[in-house]
Amino acid sequence: MKYTFEICSLTPTTSKLTVIKGITSELGAPVSRLVRIYCRSNGALIKTIRSDVQGRFKAYLPNLIQFTLVSIDPKRNFNAVIQDNVVPK
């Protein structure tokens, strides 16, 4: 897979929110991409964010639920990248 994103950290906070940080990259180089975050249990879209030009993204999300993250290459050169069952630890 040549288009990837990586979850760098998933940190529960004290305020009922979880912080998810990650990086989007294409062929090993950071790229800006949309990252869609869904509730795993019902498929509801929770948030759409865009990574910066260094590929970094950060989202504050509800704590105690599982997420599915999806990012799609807008040029359609690569398949979608999906990170499933992302949970706070």
N, C-alpha and C. Protein backbone atom coordinates (compact mmCIF):
# COMPACT_ATOMS: atom_id res chain seq x y z
N MET A 1 0.85 -1.16 0.00
CA MET A 1 0.00 0.00 0.00
C MET A 1 0.89 1.23 0.00
N LYS A 2 0.67 2.14 -0.92
CA LYS A 2 1.55 3.28 -1.06
C LYS A 2 0.97 4.56 -0.48
N TYR A 3 -0.31 4.57 -0.22
CA TYR A 3 -0.96 5.73 0.40
C TYR A 3 -1.39 5.28 1.78
N THR A 4 -0.88 5.93 2.82
CA THR A 4 -1.13 5.45 4.18
C THR A 4 -1.47 6.61 5.11
N PHE A 5 -2.04 6.26 6.22
CA PHE A 5 -2.04 7.17 7.34
C PHE A 5 -1.80 6.36 8.59
N GLU A 6 -1.20 6.99 9.55
CA GLU A 6 -0.76 6.32 10.76
C GLU A 6 -1.34 7.04 11.97
N ILE A 7 -1.85 6.26 12.90
CA ILE A 7 -2.32 6.84 14.16
C ILE A 7 -1.10 6.96 15.07
N CYS A 8 -0.71 8.18 15.36
CA CYS A 8 0.47 8.41 16.19
C CYS A 8 0.16 8.30 17.67
N SER A 9 -1.02 8.77 18.05
CA SER A 9 -1.39 8.64 19.45
C SER A 9 -2.90 8.73 19.60
N LEU A 10 -3.37 8.07 20.61
CA LEU A 10 -4.78 8.06 20.95
C LEU A 10 -4.83 8.23 22.46
N THR A 11 -5.12 9.43 22.91
CA THR A 11 -4.97 9.75 24.32
C THR A 11 -6.28 10.15 24.96
N PRO A 12 -6.78 9.36 25.91
CA PRO A 12 -7.95 9.82 26.66
C PRO A 12 -7.60 11.06 27.47
N THR A 13 -8.50 12.02 27.51
CA THR A 13 -8.27 13.21 28.32
C THR A 13 -9.21 13.17 29.51
N THR A 14 -9.08 14.14 30.36
CA THR A 14 -9.90 14.16 31.57
C THR A 14 -11.29 14.74 31.31
N SER A 15 -11.53 15.28 30.13
CA SER A 15 -12.79 15.98 29.88
C SER A 15 -13.74 15.21 28.97
N LYS A 16 -13.75 13.90 29.06
CA LYS A 16 -14.63 13.05 28.27
C LYS A 16 -14.35 13.12 26.77
N LEU A 17 -13.14 13.55 26.41
CA LEU A 17 -12.73 13.57 25.01
C LEU A 17 -11.47 12.74 24.84
N THR A 18 -11.30 12.23 23.64
CA THR A 18 -10.11 11.51 23.24
C THR A 18 -9.42 12.32 22.17
N VAL A 19 -8.10 12.37 22.19
CA VAL A 19 -7.33 13.05 21.16
C VAL A 19 -6.71 11.99 20.25
N ILE A 20 -7.03 12.06 18.96
CA ILE A 20 -6.40 11.18 17.98
C ILE A 20 -5.47 12.03 17.13
N LYS A 21 -4.19 11.63 17.06
CA LYS A 21 -3.21 12.31 16.22
C LYS A 21 -2.67 11.31 15.21
N GLY A 22 -2.39 11.79 14.02
CA GLY A 22 -1.85 10.89 13.02
C GLY A 22 -1.17 11.63 11.89
N ILE A 23 -0.71 10.86 10.89
CA ILE A 23 0.00 11.40 9.74
C ILE A 23 -0.53 10.73 8.48
N THR A 24 -0.80 11.52 7.45
CA THR A 24 -1.14 10.97 6.14
C THR A 24 0.08 11.10 5.24
N SER A 25 0.33 10.06 4.44
CA SER A 25 1.49 10.09 3.55
C SER A 25 1.20 9.34 2.26
N GLU A 26 1.93 9.71 1.23
CA GLU A 26 1.83 9.05 -0.07
C GLU A 26 3.24 8.74 -0.53
N LEU A 27 3.52 7.46 -0.79
CA LEU A 27 4.86 7.00 -1.18
C LEU A 27 5.92 7.47 -0.18
N GLY A 28 5.53 7.50 1.09
CA GLY A 28 6.45 7.86 2.16
C GLY A 28 6.58 9.35 2.42
N ALA A 29 5.99 10.18 1.58
CA ALA A 29 6.05 11.63 1.76
C ALA A 29 4.75 12.14 2.36
N PRO A 30 4.83 13.06 3.32
CA PRO A 30 3.61 13.59 3.93
C PRO A 30 2.75 14.33 2.90
N VAL A 31 1.43 14.17 3.01
CA VAL A 31 0.49 14.86 2.13
C VAL A 31 -0.71 15.33 2.94
N SER A 32 -1.34 16.37 2.45
CA SER A 32 -2.58 16.85 3.07
C SER A 32 -3.75 16.07 2.47
N ARG A 33 -4.57 15.48 3.33
CA ARG A 33 -5.71 14.69 2.89
C ARG A 33 -6.88 14.87 3.86
N LEU A 34 -8.08 14.65 3.37
CA LEU A 34 -9.24 14.58 4.25
C LEU A 34 -9.20 13.27 5.01
N VAL A 35 -9.55 13.32 6.28
CA VAL A 35 -9.69 12.13 7.11
C VAL A 35 -11.09 12.17 7.69
N ARG A 36 -11.86 11.15 7.40
CA ARG A 36 -13.23 11.07 7.92
C ARG A 36 -13.26 10.09 9.08
N ILE A 37 -13.92 10.49 10.14
CA ILE A 37 -13.95 9.68 11.36
C ILE A 37 -15.40 9.30 11.64
N TYR A 38 -15.63 7.99 11.73
CA TYR A 38 -16.97 7.44 11.92
C TYR A 38 -17.06 6.73 13.25
N CYS A 39 -18.27 6.70 13.81
CA CYS A 39 -18.56 5.87 14.97
C CYS A 39 -18.64 4.42 14.47
N ARG A 40 -17.86 3.55 15.04
CA ARG A 40 -17.81 2.18 14.55
C ARG A 40 -19.13 1.44 14.77
N SER A 41 -19.83 1.72 15.86
CA SER A 41 -21.03 0.94 16.19
C SER A 41 -22.22 1.24 15.28
N ASN A 42 -22.35 2.47 14.79
CA ASN A 42 -23.52 2.78 13.97
C ASN A 42 -23.19 3.41 12.62
N GLY A 43 -21.91 3.66 12.35
CA GLY A 43 -21.49 4.20 11.05
C GLY A 43 -21.70 5.69 10.88
N ALA A 44 -22.12 6.39 11.92
CA ALA A 44 -22.37 7.83 11.82
C ALA A 44 -21.05 8.58 11.64
N LEU A 45 -21.06 9.54 10.72
CA LEU A 45 -19.90 10.41 10.53
C LEU A 45 -19.82 11.35 11.73
N ILE A 46 -18.68 11.32 12.42
CA ILE A 46 -18.49 12.15 13.60
C ILE A 46 -17.76 13.44 13.23
N LYS A 47 -16.74 13.31 12.40
CA LYS A 47 -15.94 14.49 12.09
C LYS A 47 -15.18 14.27 10.79
N THR A 48 -15.00 15.35 10.04
CA THR A 48 -14.13 15.35 8.87
C THR A 48 -13.07 16.41 9.11
N ILE A 49 -11.80 16.02 8.98
CA ILE A 49 -10.70 16.96 9.18
C ILE A 49 -9.74 16.83 8.01
N ARG A 50 -8.88 17.81 7.84
CA ARG A 50 -7.85 17.76 6.81
C ARG A 50 -6.49 17.82 7.50
N SER A 51 -5.60 16.92 7.10
CA SER A 51 -4.25 16.98 7.62
C SER A 51 -3.53 18.18 7.00
N ASP A 52 -2.53 18.70 7.71
CA ASP A 52 -1.79 19.85 7.20
C ASP A 52 -0.80 19.42 6.12
N VAL A 53 0.00 20.33 5.60
CA VAL A 53 0.92 20.01 4.51
C VAL A 53 2.02 19.03 4.94
N GLN A 54 2.26 18.93 6.24
CA GLN A 54 3.21 17.92 6.75
C GLN A 54 2.51 16.59 7.03
N GLY A 55 1.23 16.48 6.66
CA GLY A 55 0.47 15.25 6.83
C GLY A 55 -0.10 15.05 8.22
N ARG A 56 0.11 15.99 9.13
CA ARG A 56 -0.33 15.82 10.52
C ARG A 56 -1.81 16.18 10.68
N PHE A 57 -2.49 15.38 11.49
CA PHE A 57 -3.86 15.71 11.85
C PHE A 57 -4.09 15.42 13.32
N LYS A 58 -5.07 16.13 13.89
CA LYS A 58 -5.43 15.94 15.30
C LYS A 58 -6.94 16.15 15.40
N ALA A 59 -7.60 15.27 16.13
CA ALA A 59 -9.04 15.39 16.33
C ALA A 59 -9.37 15.12 17.79
N TYR A 60 -10.26 15.93 18.33
CA TYR A 60 -10.80 15.72 19.68
C TYR A 60 -12.16 15.05 19.50
N LEU A 61 -12.30 13.86 20.06
CA LEU A 61 -13.49 13.03 19.84
C LEU A 61 -14.08 12.55 21.16
N PRO A 62 -15.35 12.15 21.14
CA PRO A 62 -15.96 11.61 22.36
C PRO A 62 -15.16 10.40 22.88
N ASN A 63 -15.04 10.32 24.18
CA ASN A 63 -14.33 9.21 24.81
C ASN A 63 -15.23 7.98 24.90
N LEU A 64 -14.64 6.83 25.07
CA LEU A 64 -15.32 5.57 25.35
C LEU A 64 -16.11 5.01 24.17
N ILE A 65 -15.80 5.39 22.95
CA ILE A 65 -16.41 4.73 21.79
C ILE A 65 -15.31 4.33 20.82
N GLN A 66 -15.63 3.41 19.92
CA GLN A 66 -14.68 2.95 18.91
C GLN A 66 -14.91 3.73 17.62
N PHE A 67 -13.81 3.94 16.88
CA PHE A 67 -13.87 4.74 15.67
C PHE A 67 -13.34 3.97 14.47
N THR A 68 -13.77 4.40 13.29
CA THR A 68 -13.20 3.96 12.02
C THR A 68 -12.76 5.22 11.29
N LEU A 69 -11.49 5.27 10.88
CA LEU A 69 -10.96 6.41 10.15
C LEU A 69 -10.77 6.02 8.69
N VAL A 70 -11.17 6.90 7.79
CA VAL A 70 -11.09 6.64 6.35
C VAL A 70 -10.47 7.85 5.67
N SER A 71 -9.52 7.59 4.77
CA SER A 71 -8.94 8.65 3.96
C SER A 71 -8.87 8.14 2.52
N ILE A 72 -9.29 9.00 1.58
CA ILE A 72 -9.37 8.62 0.17
C ILE A 72 -8.46 9.52 -0.64
N ASP A 73 -7.70 8.93 -1.56
CA ASP A 73 -6.84 9.68 -2.46
C ASP A 73 -7.71 10.42 -3.48
N PRO A 74 -7.71 11.76 -3.48
CA PRO A 74 -8.58 12.50 -4.40
C PRO A 74 -8.23 12.31 -5.87
N LYS A 75 -7.00 11.91 -6.16
CA LYS A 75 -6.59 11.68 -7.55
C LYS A 75 -6.93 10.27 -8.03
N ARG A 76 -7.39 9.43 -7.10
CA ARG A 76 -7.79 8.04 -7.40
C ARG A 76 -6.65 7.16 -7.89
N ASN A 77 -5.42 7.50 -7.50
CA ASN A 77 -4.28 6.66 -7.85
C ASN A 77 -4.08 5.51 -6.88
N PHE A 78 -4.61 5.66 -5.66
CA PHE A 78 -4.44 4.67 -4.61
C PHE A 78 -5.79 4.33 -4.00
N ASN A 79 -5.90 3.14 -3.45
CA ASN A 79 -7.12 2.74 -2.75
C ASN A 79 -7.28 3.54 -1.46
N ALA A 80 -8.49 3.55 -0.95
CA ALA A 80 -8.75 4.20 0.34
C ALA A 80 -7.94 3.52 1.43
N VAL A 81 -7.61 4.30 2.43
CA VAL A 81 -6.92 3.76 3.60
C VAL A 81 -7.91 3.80 4.75
N ILE A 82 -8.05 2.67 5.43
CA ILE A 82 -9.03 2.54 6.51
C ILE A 82 -8.33 2.02 7.76
N GLN A 83 -8.54 2.71 8.86
CA GLN A 83 -8.06 2.24 10.17
C GLN A 83 -9.31 1.95 10.98
N ASP A 84 -9.55 0.68 11.25
CA ASP A 84 -10.78 0.26 11.93
C ASP A 84 -10.51 -0.09 13.38
N ASN A 85 -11.56 0.01 14.19
CA ASN A 85 -11.51 -0.37 15.60
C ASN A 85 -10.48 0.44 16.38
N VAL A 86 -10.46 1.76 16.15
CA VAL A 86 -9.58 2.66 16.89
C VAL A 86 -10.27 2.98 18.21
N VAL A 87 -9.61 2.63 19.31
CA VAL A 87 -10.21 2.81 20.63
C VAL A 87 -9.23 3.49 21.58
N PRO A 88 -9.73 4.31 22.50
CA PRO A 88 -8.86 4.89 23.54
C PRO A 88 -8.34 3.79 24.44
N LYS A 89 -7.11 3.94 24.88
CA LYS A 89 -6.51 2.94 25.76
C LYS A 89 -6.20 3.55 27.11
